[in-house]
């Protein structure tokens, strides 16, 4: 087998076992964690400044 053919075959990796539904769930969870962190940071800064 030539070197070029071998390199082409290496590029085609098998698809991951993660389904589309699992990817969407993971994305939603990441966004929810990010939103919770933002809310916590804002409320902490308001608490420190004495507005709450």
C-alpha atoms as a PDB file:
ATOM      1  CA  UNK A   1       0.000   0.000   0.000  1.00  0.00           C
ATOM      2  CA  UNK A   2       1.387   3.368  -0.957  1.00  0.00           C
ATOM      3  CA  UNK A   3       2.124   6.045   1.620  1.00  0.00           C
ATOM      4  CA  UNK A   4      -0.553   8.376   0.203  1.00  0.00           C
ATOM      5  CA  UNK A   5      -3.281   5.749   0.468  1.00  0.00           C
ATOM      6  CA  UNK A   6      -2.227   4.913   4.019  1.00  0.00           C
ATOM      7  CA  UNK A   7      -2.453   8.577   5.052  1.00  0.00           C
ATOM      8  CA  UNK A   8      -5.881   8.935   3.452  1.00  0.00           C
ATOM      9  CA  UNK A   9      -7.164   5.907   5.334  1.00  0.00           C
ATOM     10  CA  UNK A  10      -5.907   7.313   8.656  1.00  0.00           C
ATOM     11  CA  UNK A  11      -7.983  10.483   8.240  1.00  0.00           C
ATOM     12  CA  UNK A  12     -11.272   8.572   8.160  1.00  0.00           C
ATOM     13  CA  UNK A  13     -11.807   7.971  11.837  1.00  0.00           C
ATOM     14  CA  UNK A  14     -14.912   6.154  13.010  1.00  0.00           C
ATOM     15  CA  UNK A  15     -17.807   8.282  14.170  1.00  0.00           C
ATOM     16  CA  UNK A  16     -18.081   8.878  17.894  1.00  0.00           C
ATOM     17  CA  UNK A  17     -20.572   6.897  19.935  1.00  0.00           C
ATOM     18  CA  UNK A  18     -22.212  10.083  21.218  1.00  0.00           C
ATOM     19  CA  UNK A  19     -25.670  10.477  19.738  1.00  0.00           C
ATOM     20  CA  UNK A  20     -27.117  13.770  18.569  1.00  0.00           C
ATOM     21  CA  UNK A  21     -29.563  13.768  21.491  1.00  0.00           C
ATOM     22  CA  UNK A  22     -26.724  13.377  24.002  1.00  0.00           C
ATOM     23  CA  UNK A  23     -24.800  16.227  22.381  1.00  0.00           C
ATOM     24  CA  UNK A  24     -27.853  18.512  22.654  1.00  0.00           C
ATOM     25  CA  UNK A  25     -28.359  17.551  26.310  1.00  0.00           C
ATOM     26  CA  UNK A  26     -24.682  18.230  27.050  1.00  0.00           C
ATOM     27  CA  UNK A  27     -24.886  21.629  25.346  1.00  0.00           C
ATOM     28  CA  UNK A  28     -28.005  22.560  27.339  1.00  0.00           C
ATOM     29  CA  UNK A  29     -26.323  21.507  30.597  1.00  0.00           C
ATOM     30  CA  UNK A  30     -23.212  23.558  29.778  1.00  0.00           C
ATOM     31  CA  UNK A  31     -25.358  26.619  28.998  1.00  0.00           C
ATOM     32  CA  UNK A  32     -27.319  26.160  32.236  1.00  0.00           C
ATOM     33  CA  UNK A  33     -24.107  25.937  34.279  1.00  0.00           C
ATOM     34  CA  UNK A  34     -22.807  29.078  32.561  1.00  0.00           C
ATOM     35  CA  UNK A  35     -26.052  30.965  33.267  1.00  0.00           C
ATOM     36  CA  UNK A  36     -26.010  29.842  36.908  1.00  0.00           C
ATOM     37  CA  UNK A  37     -22.409  31.057  37.250  1.00  0.00           C
ATOM     38  CA  UNK A  38     -23.331  34.453  35.756  1.00  0.00           C
ATOM     39  CA  UNK A  39     -26.335  34.812  38.065  1.00  0.00           C
ATOM     40  CA  UNK A  40     -24.194  33.878  41.077  1.00  0.00           C
ATOM     41  CA  UNK A  41     -21.498  36.380  40.083  1.00  0.00           C
ATOM     42  CA  UNK A  42     -24.005  39.204  39.563  1.00  0.00           C
ATOM     43  CA  UNK A  43     -25.839  38.530  42.816  1.00  0.00           C
ATOM     44  CA  UNK A  44     -22.527  38.313  44.700  1.00  0.00           C
ATOM     45  CA  UNK A  45     -21.375  41.631  43.275  1.00  0.00           C
ATOM     46  CA  UNK A  46     -24.720  43.259  44.142  1.00  0.00           C
ATOM     47  CA  UNK A  47     -24.504  41.799  47.636  1.00  0.00           C
ATOM     48  CA  UNK A  48     -20.979  43.161  48.094  1.00  0.00           C
ATOM     49  CA  UNK A  49     -21.998  46.612  46.903  1.00  0.00           C
ATOM     50  CA  UNK A  50     -24.916  46.662  49.339  1.00  0.00           C
ATOM     51  CA  UNK A  51     -27.729  46.973  46.791  1.00  0.00           C
ATOM     52  CA  UNK A  52     -29.473  43.808  47.981  1.00  0.00           C
END
